[in-house]
Each structure stands twice: as structure tokens, then as C-alpha cells.
Amino acid sequence: MNDDNCTLFPLDGHLLALHADALAQAIPYHARGKSRADWIIGVKHVSDAQSVHGDHWERHPRGDETLCLLEGSIELVLQADDGAERRIAVQAGQACIVARGTWHRLQVHVPGRLLFITPSIGSEHRKVGGAA
């Protein structure tokens, strides 16, 4: 439903794009790479390594990322500058803030749903085992 005062959209398949001028837009998930928003917020189903790009590290140089686990159980893997890994168990109802520029990835232990608040622009990715 869209009118001048309200945009109603399904969480599945859509993101909330937040812009610097306080504009909020609902955008299709597949359009996330084209958005010029400062932040994106979404809810995604997490079921296996593929659903959380578990074979890739990612980082967000433009800001912190907040991950809120609504259902399920995951492990957040952080990588230090020296390559050392730190693993943090995250249970349903918990949230974590991944600091700006920190390489990280997820592993799913129990399928569920994850709410993420992520800087929209400038994210970097690399294969696990690849050069930093």
C-alpha cells in the first residue's frame, strides 16, 4: 500500500533505505547495490553458509554494522588485522555491533531470521582464505 502518508511493504524481499536527509524508502532487495542511501535495514532468513555468504569476509569502512538475531543461532567470526579469528555465539534475542572496518562473516547453527542495519555504500568482500 502506498499513499502520500504511508508506504506499507513486506519485509521479505525488501529493504528500508535511510538517506542523510532523513528520507526513508522501501526498495526491493535486489536493488540494494543501486541505492545511494546511507543505511539499509533488512530482515533475512538465515539457513546455511550460502544464505550468509559464509565463504566470504566482509567489512564496512563507512560505519558500524548492527546485527540483531530474531530467531535461530549463529556464530559471528571476526578477523583481526593479524589474521587471528574470534568467534562469538549469538542467540535469538541478542544483537551485536560490528565495528567499522572489521572483517567478519557468519556461520549458521540453527536457521532463523536476522535483522541487519548496515552502511549502504562501500562494503568490501573477499573470499575466506584470500589476501586482505
C-alpha atoms as a PDB file:
ATOM      1  CA  MET A   1       0.000   0.000   0.000  1.00  0.00           C
ATOM      2  CA  ASN A   2       1.319   3.410  -0.938  1.00  0.00           C
ATOM      3  CA  ASP A   3      -0.235   6.789  -0.448  1.00  0.00           C
ATOM      4  CA  ASP A   4       1.141  10.205   0.447  1.00  0.00           C
ATOM      5  CA  ASN A   5       1.290   9.387   4.152  1.00  0.00           C
ATOM      6  CA  CYS A   6       2.284   5.724   4.362  1.00  0.00           C
ATOM      7  CA  THR A   7       4.241   3.067   2.486  1.00  0.00           C
ATOM      8  CA  LEU A   8       3.406  -0.473   3.577  1.00  0.00           C
ATOM      9  CA  PHE A   9       5.780  -3.149   2.285  1.00  0.00           C
ATOM     10  CA  PRO A  10       6.647  -6.779   3.054  1.00  0.00           C
ATOM     11  CA  LEU A  11       9.872  -7.334   4.992  1.00  0.00           C
ATOM     12  CA  ASP A  12      10.658 -10.392   2.881  1.00  0.00           C
ATOM     13  CA  GLY A  13      12.342  -9.261  -0.303  1.00  0.00           C
ATOM     14  CA  HIS A  14      12.621  -5.589   0.639  1.00  0.00           C
ATOM     15  CA  LEU A  15      14.984  -3.251   2.469  1.00  0.00           C
ATOM     16  CA  LEU A  16      14.446   0.019   4.236  1.00  0.00           C
ATOM     17  CA  ALA A  17      16.874   2.583   2.800  1.00  0.00           C
ATOM     18  CA  LEU A  18      17.687   5.544   5.069  1.00  0.00           C
ATOM     19  CA  HIS A  19      19.123   8.683   3.490  1.00  0.00           C
ATOM     20  CA  ALA A  20      21.084  11.557   5.063  1.00  0.00           C
ATOM     21  CA  ASP A  21      18.167  13.956   4.566  1.00  0.00           C
ATOM     22  CA  ALA A  22      16.001  11.670   6.768  1.00  0.00           C
ATOM     23  CA  LEU A  23      14.185  10.203   3.738  1.00  0.00           C
ATOM     24  CA  ALA A  24      13.196   6.553   4.180  1.00  0.00           C
ATOM     25  CA  GLN A  25      12.417   4.362   1.156  1.00  0.00           C
ATOM     26  CA  ALA A  26      11.329   0.763   0.719  1.00  0.00           C
ATOM     27  CA  ILE A  27      13.429  -0.825  -2.023  1.00  0.00           C
ATOM     28  CA  PRO A  28      13.492  -4.350  -3.474  1.00  0.00           C
ATOM     29  CA  TYR A  29      16.325  -6.440  -2.018  1.00  0.00           C
ATOM     30  CA  HIS A  30      17.830  -6.984  -5.481  1.00  0.00           C
ATOM     31  CA  ALA A  31      18.219  -3.183  -5.889  1.00  0.00           C
ATOM     32  CA  ARG A  32      20.441  -2.774  -2.805  1.00  0.00           C
ATOM     33  CA  GLY A  33      23.589  -2.235  -4.884  1.00  0.00           C
ATOM     34  CA  LYS A  34      21.961   0.660  -6.745  1.00  0.00           C
ATOM     35  CA  SER A  35      20.765   2.514  -3.658  1.00  0.00           C
ATOM     36  CA  ARG A  36      22.586   5.705  -2.690  1.00  0.00           C
ATOM     37  CA  ALA A  37      21.140   5.547   0.831  1.00  0.00           C
ATOM     38  CA  ASP A  38      23.446   5.959   3.806  1.00  0.00           C
ATOM     39  CA  TRP A  39      21.988   2.941   5.627  1.00  0.00           C
ATOM     40  CA  ILE A  40      19.970  -0.138   4.766  1.00  0.00           C
ATOM     41  CA  ILE A  41      17.859  -2.137   7.179  1.00  0.00           C
ATOM     42  CA  GLY A  42      16.528  -5.563   6.356  1.00  0.00           C
ATOM     43  CA  VAL A  43      15.410  -8.906   7.706  1.00  0.00           C
ATOM     44  CA  LYS A  44      16.724 -12.050   6.065  1.00  0.00           C
ATOM     45  CA  HIS A  45      16.253 -15.746   6.584  1.00  0.00           C
ATOM     46  CA  VAL A  46      19.491 -17.465   7.577  1.00  0.00           C
ATOM     47  CA  SER A  47      19.636 -21.184   6.969  1.00  0.00           C
ATOM     48  CA  ASP A  48      23.109 -22.181   5.823  1.00  0.00           C
ATOM     49  CA  ALA A  49      26.511 -20.818   4.742  1.00  0.00           C
ATOM     50  CA  GLN A  50      25.177 -19.670   1.374  1.00  0.00           C
ATOM     51  CA  SER A  51      22.414 -17.593   2.970  1.00  0.00           C
ATOM     52  CA  VAL A  52      25.009 -15.580   4.951  1.00  0.00           C
ATOM     53  CA  HIS A  53      27.836 -15.604   2.356  1.00  0.00           C
ATOM     54  CA  GLY A  54      29.830 -17.740   4.822  1.00  0.00           C
ATOM     55  CA  ASP A  55      32.623 -18.275   2.288  1.00  0.00           C
ATOM     56  CA  HIS A  56      33.361 -14.519   2.153  1.00  0.00           C
ATOM     57  CA  TRP A  57      34.616 -11.981   4.649  1.00  0.00           C
ATOM     58  CA  GLU A  58      33.021  -8.556   4.556  1.00  0.00           C
ATOM     59  CA  ARG A  59      33.689  -5.201   6.164  1.00  0.00           C
ATOM     60  CA  HIS A  60      32.085  -1.782   6.153  1.00  0.00           C
ATOM     61  CA  PRO A  61      34.661   1.059   6.171  1.00  0.00           C
ATOM     62  CA  ARG A  62      31.943   3.752   6.325  1.00  0.00           C
ATOM     63  CA  GLY A  63      30.353   2.681   9.597  1.00  0.00           C
ATOM     64  CA  ASP A  64      29.440   0.070  12.180  1.00  0.00           C
ATOM     65  CA  GLU A  65      27.036  -2.748  11.305  1.00  0.00           C
ATOM     66  CA  THR A  66      24.361  -3.872  13.755  1.00  0.00           C
ATOM     67  CA  LEU A  67      23.161  -7.479  13.616  1.00  0.00           C
ATOM     68  CA  CYS A  68      20.046  -8.493  15.579  1.00  0.00           C
ATOM     69  CA  LEU A  69      19.215 -12.188  15.661  1.00  0.00           C
ATOM     70  CA  LEU A  70      15.437 -12.541  15.848  1.00  0.00           C
ATOM     71  CA  GLU A  71      15.325 -16.342  15.620  1.00  0.00           C
ATOM     72  CA  GLY A  72      17.919 -19.108  15.429  1.00  0.00           C
ATOM     73  CA  SER A  73      21.560 -19.394  16.434  1.00  0.00           C
ATOM     74  CA  ILE A  74      24.611 -18.094  14.574  1.00  0.00           C
ATOM     75  CA  GLU A  75      28.298 -17.573  15.131  1.00  0.00           C
ATOM     76  CA  LEU A  76      29.899 -14.246  14.283  1.00  0.00           C
ATOM     77  CA  VAL A  77      33.512 -14.658  13.189  1.00  0.00           C
ATOM     78  CA  LEU A  78      35.708 -11.555  13.459  1.00  0.00           C
ATOM     79  CA  GLN A  79      39.171 -11.306  11.918  1.00  0.00           C
ATOM     80  CA  ALA A  80      41.865  -9.134  13.494  1.00  0.00           C
ATOM     81  CA  ASP A  81      44.493  -7.289  11.461  1.00  0.00           C
ATOM     82  CA  ASP A  82      46.985 -10.098  12.181  1.00  0.00           C
ATOM     83  CA  GLY A  83      44.549 -12.690  10.788  1.00  0.00           C
ATOM     84  CA  ALA A  84      43.542 -14.118  14.173  1.00  0.00           C
ATOM     85  CA  GLU A  85      39.878 -15.111  14.368  1.00  0.00           C
ATOM     86  CA  ARG A  86      37.495 -14.504  17.256  1.00  0.00           C
ATOM     87  CA  ARG A  87      34.207 -16.419  17.356  1.00  0.00           C
ATOM     88  CA  ILE A  88      31.137 -15.096  19.139  1.00  0.00           C
ATOM     89  CA  ALA A  89      27.981 -17.161  19.668  1.00  0.00           C
ATOM     90  CA  VAL A  90      24.817 -15.145  19.018  1.00  0.00           C
ATOM     91  CA  GLN A  91      21.444 -16.462  20.166  1.00  0.00           C
ATOM     92  CA  ALA A  92      17.900 -15.380  19.313  1.00  0.00           C
ATOM     93  CA  GLY A  93      17.098 -12.097  21.036  1.00  0.00           C
ATOM     94  CA  GLN A  94      20.718 -10.891  21.044  1.00  0.00           C
ATOM     95  CA  ALA A  95      22.296  -8.139  18.967  1.00  0.00           C
ATOM     96  CA  CYS A  96      25.879  -7.181  18.246  1.00  0.00           C
ATOM     97  CA  ILE A  97      27.599  -4.162  16.782  1.00  0.00           C
ATOM     98  CA  VAL A  98      30.474  -4.949  14.421  1.00  0.00           C
ATOM     99  CA  ALA A  99      32.930  -2.054  14.477  1.00  0.00           C
ATOM    100  CA  ARG A 100      33.609  -0.060  11.328  1.00  0.00           C
ATOM    101  CA  GLY A 101      36.215  -1.708   9.102  1.00  0.00           C
ATOM    102  CA  THR A 102      36.234  -5.084  10.919  1.00  0.00           C
ATOM    103  CA  TRP A 103      36.390  -8.127   8.645  1.00  0.00           C
ATOM    104  CA  HIS A 104      33.581 -10.504   9.636  1.00  0.00           C
ATOM    105  CA  ARG A 105      31.434 -13.388   8.459  1.00  0.00           C
ATOM    106  CA  LEU A 106      28.655 -15.545   9.848  1.00  0.00           C
ATOM    107  CA  GLN A 107      28.042 -19.239  10.363  1.00  0.00           C
ATOM    108  CA  VAL A 108      24.529 -20.575  10.913  1.00  0.00           C
ATOM    109  CA  HIS A 109      23.992 -23.171  13.651  1.00  0.00           C
ATOM    110  CA  VAL A 110      20.182 -23.059  13.860  1.00  0.00           C
ATOM    111  CA  PRO A 111      18.186 -21.498  10.999  1.00  0.00           C
ATOM    112  CA  GLY A 112      16.339 -18.304  11.813  1.00  0.00           C
ATOM    113  CA  ARG A 113      15.935 -14.632  10.921  1.00  0.00           C
ATOM    114  CA  LEU A 114      18.474 -11.826  11.146  1.00  0.00           C
ATOM    115  CA  LEU A 115      17.764  -8.100  11.184  1.00  0.00           C
ATOM    116  CA  PHE A 116      20.698  -6.042   9.918  1.00  0.00           C
ATOM    117  CA  ILE A 117      21.455  -2.318   9.919  1.00  0.00           C
ATOM    118  CA  THR A 118      24.312  -1.746   7.503  1.00  0.00           C
ATOM    119  CA  PRO A 119      26.107   1.163   5.858  1.00  0.00           C
ATOM    120  CA  SER A 120      24.778   1.013   2.313  1.00  0.00           C
ATOM    121  CA  ILE A 121      27.824   2.175   0.386  1.00  0.00           C
ATOM    122  CA  GLY A 122      31.422   0.999   0.321  1.00  0.00           C
ATOM    123  CA  SER A 123      31.186  -2.530   1.708  1.00  0.00           C
ATOM    124  CA  GLU A 124      34.144  -4.744   0.824  1.00  0.00           C
ATOM    125  CA  HIS A 125      34.224  -8.522   0.343  1.00  0.00           C
ATOM    126  CA  ARG A 126      36.927 -11.151  -0.074  1.00  0.00           C
ATOM    127  CA  LYS A 127      36.989 -14.945  -0.176  1.00  0.00           C
ATOM    128  CA  VAL A 128      37.814 -16.805   3.020  1.00  0.00           C
ATOM    129  CA  GLY A 129      41.491 -17.680   2.706  1.00  0.00           C
ATOM    130  CA  GLY A 130      42.078 -14.752   0.312  1.00  0.00           C
ATOM    131  CA  ALA A 131      44.509 -11.899   0.820  1.00  0.00           C
ATOM    132  CA  ALA A 132      43.414  -8.948   2.928  1.00  0.00           C
END
